[in-house]
Amino acid sequence: MKWLFHLGSITFFLVLVYFLYNRGLGAIPFSLAALYFGVMSISEYRRMKKEKR
């Protein structure tokens, strides 16, 4: 289920890029994707840190 959510999120960002890039609004989906990947990396880092204890 987790991989399906990630795949759906990435697909959503790609669709937003496709529709908004030519209108000059390409920074919006790229910013959302950066925020999403930042949150995912922080949560994975915390999870790995807890497993080492």
PDB file of N, CA and C in Angstrom:
ATOM      1  N   MET A   1       0.825  -1.191   0.000  1.00  0.00           N
ATOM      2  CA  MET A   1       0.000   0.000   0.000  1.00  0.00           C
ATOM      3  C   MET A   1       0.870   1.258   0.000  1.00  0.00           C
ATOM      4  N   LYS A   2       1.996   1.187   0.729  1.00  0.00           N
ATOM      5  CA  LYS A   2       2.884   2.342   0.790  1.00  0.00           C
ATOM      6  C   LYS A   2       3.461   2.663  -0.582  1.00  0.00           C
ATOM      7  N   TRP A   3       3.869   1.627  -1.328  1.00  0.00           N
ATOM      8  CA  TRP A   3       4.432   1.848  -2.655  1.00  0.00           C
ATOM      9  C   TRP A   3       3.378   2.391  -3.615  1.00  0.00           C
ATOM     10  N   LEU A   4       2.143   1.941  -3.450  1.00  0.00           N
ATOM     11  CA  LEU A   4       1.063   2.431  -4.300  1.00  0.00           C
ATOM     12  C   LEU A   4       0.812   3.920  -4.057  1.00  0.00           C
ATOM     13  N   PHE A   5       0.882   4.343  -2.811  1.00  0.00           N
ATOM     14  CA  PHE A   5       0.720   5.761  -2.484  1.00  0.00           C
ATOM     15  C   PHE A   5       1.856   6.589  -3.083  1.00  0.00           C
ATOM     16  N   HIS A   6       3.082   6.105  -2.979  1.00  0.00           N
ATOM     17  CA  HIS A   6       4.228   6.800  -3.568  1.00  0.00           C
ATOM     18  C   HIS A   6       4.093   6.896  -5.089  1.00  0.00           C
ATOM     19  N   LEU A   7       3.703   5.811  -5.702  1.00  0.00           N
ATOM     20  CA  LEU A   7       3.533   5.801  -7.150  1.00  0.00           C
ATOM     21  C   LEU A   7       2.424   6.764  -7.575  1.00  0.00           C
ATOM     22  N   GLY A   8       1.335   6.777  -6.839  1.00  0.00           N
ATOM     23  CA  GLY A   8       0.249   7.699  -7.138  1.00  0.00           C
ATOM     24  C   GLY A   8       0.662   9.147  -6.967  1.00  0.00           C
ATOM     25  N   SER A   9       1.445   9.434  -5.940  1.00  0.00           N
ATOM     26  CA  SER A   9       1.905  10.799  -5.703  1.00  0.00           C
ATOM     27  C   SER A   9       2.836  11.268  -6.812  1.00  0.00           C
ATOM     28  N   ILE A  10       3.746  10.424  -7.223  1.00  0.00           N
ATOM     29  CA  ILE A  10       4.676  10.779  -8.288  1.00  0.00           C
ATOM     30  C   ILE A  10       3.923  10.975  -9.601  1.00  0.00           C
ATOM     31  N   THR A  11       2.952  10.117  -9.867  1.00  0.00           N
ATOM     32  CA  THR A  11       2.139  10.271 -11.073  1.00  0.00           C
ATOM     33  C   THR A  11       1.373  11.586 -11.034  1.00  0.00           C
ATOM     34  N   PHE A  12       0.825  11.938  -9.887  1.00  0.00           N
ATOM     35  CA  PHE A  12       0.105  13.197  -9.730  1.00  0.00           C
ATOM     36  C   PHE A  12       1.016  14.383 -10.011  1.00  0.00           C
ATOM     37  N   PHE A  13       2.242  14.365  -9.495  1.00  0.00           N
ATOM     38  CA  PHE A  13       3.186  15.448  -9.740  1.00  0.00           C
ATOM     39  C   PHE A  13       3.559  15.544 -11.218  1.00  0.00           C
ATOM     40  N   LEU A  14       3.736  14.399 -11.869  1.00  0.00           N
ATOM     41  CA  LEU A  14       4.060  14.408 -13.294  1.00  0.00           C
ATOM     42  C   LEU A  14       2.914  14.975 -14.136  1.00  0.00           C
ATOM     43  N   VAL A  15       1.689  14.648 -13.770  1.00  0.00           N
ATOM     44  CA  VAL A  15       0.539  15.194 -14.489  1.00  0.00           C
ATOM     45  C   VAL A  15       0.455  16.701 -14.277  1.00  0.00           C
ATOM     46  N   LEU A  16       0.686  17.159 -13.054  1.00  0.00           N
ATOM     47  CA  LEU A  16       0.690  18.600 -12.804  1.00  0.00           C
ATOM     48  C   LEU A  16       1.768  19.308 -13.607  1.00  0.00           C
ATOM     49  N   VAL A  17       2.951  18.721 -13.679  1.00  0.00           N
ATOM     50  CA  VAL A  17       4.028  19.316 -14.466  1.00  0.00           C
ATOM     51  C   VAL A  17       3.622  19.398 -15.925  1.00  0.00           C
ATOM     52  N   TYR A  18       3.027  18.343 -16.437  1.00  0.00           N
ATOM     53  CA  TYR A  18       2.636  18.310 -17.845  1.00  0.00           C
ATOM     54  C   TYR A  18       1.634  19.424 -18.176  1.00  0.00           C
ATOM     55  N   PHE A  19       0.667  19.632 -17.299  1.00  0.00           N
ATOM     56  CA  PHE A  19      -0.368  20.627 -17.591  1.00  0.00           C
ATOM     57  C   PHE A  19       0.024  22.053 -17.225  1.00  0.00           C
ATOM     58  N   LEU A  20       0.879  22.243 -16.226  1.00  0.00           N
ATOM     59  CA  LEU A  20       1.181  23.591 -15.753  1.00  0.00           C
ATOM     60  C   LEU A  20       2.484  24.171 -16.284  1.00  0.00           C
ATOM     61  N   TYR A  21       3.356  23.348 -16.846  1.00  0.00           N
ATOM     62  CA  TYR A  21       4.672  23.838 -17.230  1.00  0.00           C
ATOM     63  C   TYR A  21       4.602  24.858 -18.360  1.00  0.00           C
ATOM     64  N   ASN A  22       3.803  24.612 -19.362  1.00  0.00           N
ATOM     65  CA  ASN A  22       3.714  25.534 -20.492  1.00  0.00           C
ATOM     66  C   ASN A  22       3.007  26.841 -20.138  1.00  0.00           C
ATOM     67  N   ARG A  23       2.272  26.855 -19.059  1.00  0.00           N
ATOM     68  CA  ARG A  23       1.579  28.064 -18.618  1.00  0.00           C
ATOM     69  C   ARG A  23       2.447  28.929 -17.712  1.00  0.00           C
ATOM     70  N   GLY A  24       3.666  28.518 -17.476  1.00  0.00           N
ATOM     71  CA  GLY A  24       4.571  29.285 -16.629  1.00  0.00           C
ATOM     72  C   GLY A  24       4.405  28.994 -15.153  1.00  0.00           C
ATOM     73  N   LEU A  25       3.696  27.924 -14.828  1.00  0.00           N
ATOM     74  CA  LEU A  25       3.461  27.570 -13.429  1.00  0.00           C
ATOM     75  C   LEU A  25       4.159  26.265 -13.059  1.00  0.00           C
ATOM     76  N   GLY A  26       5.262  25.979 -13.715  1.00  0.00           N
ATOM     77  CA  GLY A  26       5.967  24.725 -13.480  1.00  0.00           C
ATOM     78  C   GLY A  26       6.621  24.627 -12.119  1.00  0.00           C
ATOM     79  N   ALA A  27       6.824  25.755 -11.455  1.00  0.00           N
ATOM     80  CA  ALA A  27       7.468  25.730 -10.145  1.00  0.00           C
ATOM     81  C   ALA A  27       6.553  25.146  -9.068  1.00  0.00           C
ATOM     82  N   ILE A  28       5.258  25.223  -9.282  1.00  0.00           N
ATOM     83  CA  ILE A  28       4.318  24.733  -8.267  1.00  0.00           C
ATOM     84  C   ILE A  28       4.442  23.223  -8.065  1.00  0.00           C
ATOM     85  N   PRO A  29       4.330  22.399  -9.111  1.00  0.00           N
ATOM     86  CA  PRO A  29       4.469  20.959  -8.868  1.00  0.00           C
ATOM     87  C   PRO A  29       5.876  20.552  -8.445  1.00  0.00           C
ATOM     88  N   PHE A  30       6.893  21.269  -8.933  1.00  0.00           N
ATOM     89  CA  PHE A  30       8.249  20.935  -8.500  1.00  0.00           C
ATOM     90  C   PHE A  30       8.438  21.253  -7.013  1.00  0.00           C
ATOM     91  N   SER A  31       7.856  22.323  -6.545  1.00  0.00           N
ATOM     92  CA  SER A  31       7.937  22.671  -5.125  1.00  0.00           C
ATOM     93  C   SER A  31       7.169  21.659  -4.279  1.00  0.00           C
ATOM     94  N   LEU A  32       6.000  21.254  -4.744  1.00  0.00           N
ATOM     95  CA  LEU A  32       5.230  20.235  -4.021  1.00  0.00           C
ATOM     96  C   LEU A  32       5.986  18.910  -3.974  1.00  0.00           C
ATOM     97  N   ALA A  33       6.621  18.540  -5.078  1.00  0.00           N
ATOM     98  CA  ALA A  33       7.396  17.296  -5.107  1.00  0.00           C
ATOM     99  C   ALA A  33       8.595  17.380  -4.170  1.00  0.00           C
ATOM    100  N   ALA A  34       9.263  18.531  -4.125  1.00  0.00           N
ATOM    101  CA  ALA A  34      10.402  18.693  -3.221  1.00  0.00           C
ATOM    102  C   ALA A  34       9.952  18.592  -1.769  1.00  0.00           C
ATOM    103  N   LEU A  35       8.817  19.177  -1.453  1.00  0.00           N
ATOM    104  CA  LEU A  35       8.282  19.091  -0.091  1.00  0.00           C
ATOM    105  C   LEU A  35       7.920  17.650   0.252  1.00  0.00           C
ATOM    106  N   TYR A  36       7.277  16.957  -0.675  1.00  0.00           N
ATOM    107  CA  TYR A  36       6.892  15.558  -0.470  1.00  0.00           C
ATOM    108  C   TYR A  36       8.117  14.675  -0.234  1.00  0.00           C
ATOM    109  N   PHE A  37       9.120  14.814  -1.104  1.00  0.00           N
ATOM    110  CA  PHE A  37      10.315  13.986  -0.948  1.00  0.00           C
ATOM    111  C   PHE A  37      11.110  14.362   0.301  1.00  0.00           C
ATOM    112  N   GLY A  38      11.080  15.625   0.694  1.00  0.00           N
ATOM    113  CA  GLY A  38      11.735  16.036   1.934  1.00  0.00           C
ATOM    114  C   GLY A  38      11.086  15.405   3.149  1.00  0.00           C
ATOM    115  N   VAL A  39       9.769  15.416   3.196  1.00  0.00           N
ATOM    116  CA  VAL A  39       9.043  14.795   4.312  1.00  0.00           C
ATOM    117  C   VAL A  39       9.281  13.295   4.344  1.00  0.00           C
ATOM    118  N   MET A  40       9.262  12.658   3.171  1.00  0.00           N
ATOM    119  CA  MET A  40       9.500  11.210   3.106  1.00  0.00           C
ATOM    120  C   MET A  40      10.918  10.858   3.563  1.00  0.00           C
ATOM    121  N   SER A  41      11.898  11.659   3.173  1.00  0.00           N
ATOM    122  CA  SER A  41      13.275  11.349   3.572  1.00  0.00           C
ATOM    123  C   SER A  41      13.464  11.552   5.073  1.00  0.00           C
ATOM    124  N   ILE A  42      12.852  12.568   5.645  1.00  0.00           N
ATOM    125  CA  ILE A  42      12.966  12.780   7.091  1.00  0.00           C
ATOM    126  C   ILE A  42      12.291  11.644   7.854  1.00  0.00           C
ATOM    127  N   SER A  43      11.120  11.212   7.389  1.00  0.00           N
ATOM    128  CA  SER A  43      10.437  10.113   8.087  1.00  0.00           C
ATOM    129  C   SER A  43      11.222   8.808   7.965  1.00  0.00           C
ATOM    130  N   GLU A  44      11.812   8.550   6.801  1.00  0.00           N
ATOM    131  CA  GLU A  44      12.627   7.344   6.639  1.00  0.00           C
ATOM    132  C   GLU A  44      13.884   7.414   7.496  1.00  0.00           C
ATOM    133  N   TYR A  45      14.479   8.585   7.608  1.00  0.00           N
ATOM    134  CA  TYR A  45      15.666   8.748   8.448  1.00  0.00           C
ATOM    135  C   TYR A  45      15.323   8.482   9.911  1.00  0.00           C
ATOM    136  N   ARG A  46      14.199   9.003  10.361  1.00  0.00           N
ATOM    137  CA  ARG A  46      13.786   8.762  11.750  1.00  0.00           C
ATOM    138  C   ARG A  46      13.493   7.294  11.988  1.00  0.00           C
ATOM    139  N   ARG A  47      12.880   6.628  11.008  1.00  0.00           N
ATOM    140  CA  ARG A  47      12.572   5.212  11.145  1.00  0.00           C
ATOM    141  C   ARG A  47      13.855   4.388  11.214  1.00  0.00           C
ATOM    142  N   MET A  48      14.842   4.698  10.371  1.00  0.00           N
ATOM    143  CA  MET A  48      16.108   3.978  10.393  1.00  0.00           C
ATOM    144  C   MET A  48      16.851   4.227  11.697  1.00  0.00           C
ATOM    145  N   LYS A  49      16.760   5.451  12.215  1.00  0.00           N
ATOM    146  CA  LYS A  49      17.425   5.786  13.457  1.00  0.00           C
ATOM    147  C   LYS A  49      16.825   4.999  14.630  1.00  0.00           C
ATOM    148  N   LYS A  50      15.507   4.816  14.626  1.00  0.00           N
ATOM    149  CA  LYS A  50      14.847   4.049  15.690  1.00  0.00           C
ATOM    150  C   LYS A  50      15.191   2.572  15.609  1.00  0.00           C
ATOM    151  N   GLU A  51      15.369   2.041  14.388  1.00  0.00           N
ATOM    152  CA  GLU A  51      15.700   0.621  14.232  1.00  0.00           C
ATOM    153  C   GLU A  51      17.096   0.311  14.750  1.00  0.00           C
ATOM    154  N   LYS A  52      18.010   1.262  14.735  1.00  0.00           N
ATOM    155  CA  LYS A  52      19.373   1.025  15.182  1.00  0.00           C
ATOM    156  C   LYS A  52      19.471   0.958  16.713  1.00  0.00           C
ATOM    157  N   ARG A  53      18.498   1.518  17.393  1.00  0.00           N
ATOM    158  CA  ARG A  53      18.541   1.508  18.863  1.00  0.00           C
ATOM    159  C   ARG A  53      18.291   0.166  19.433  1.00  0.00           C
TER     160      ARG A  53
END
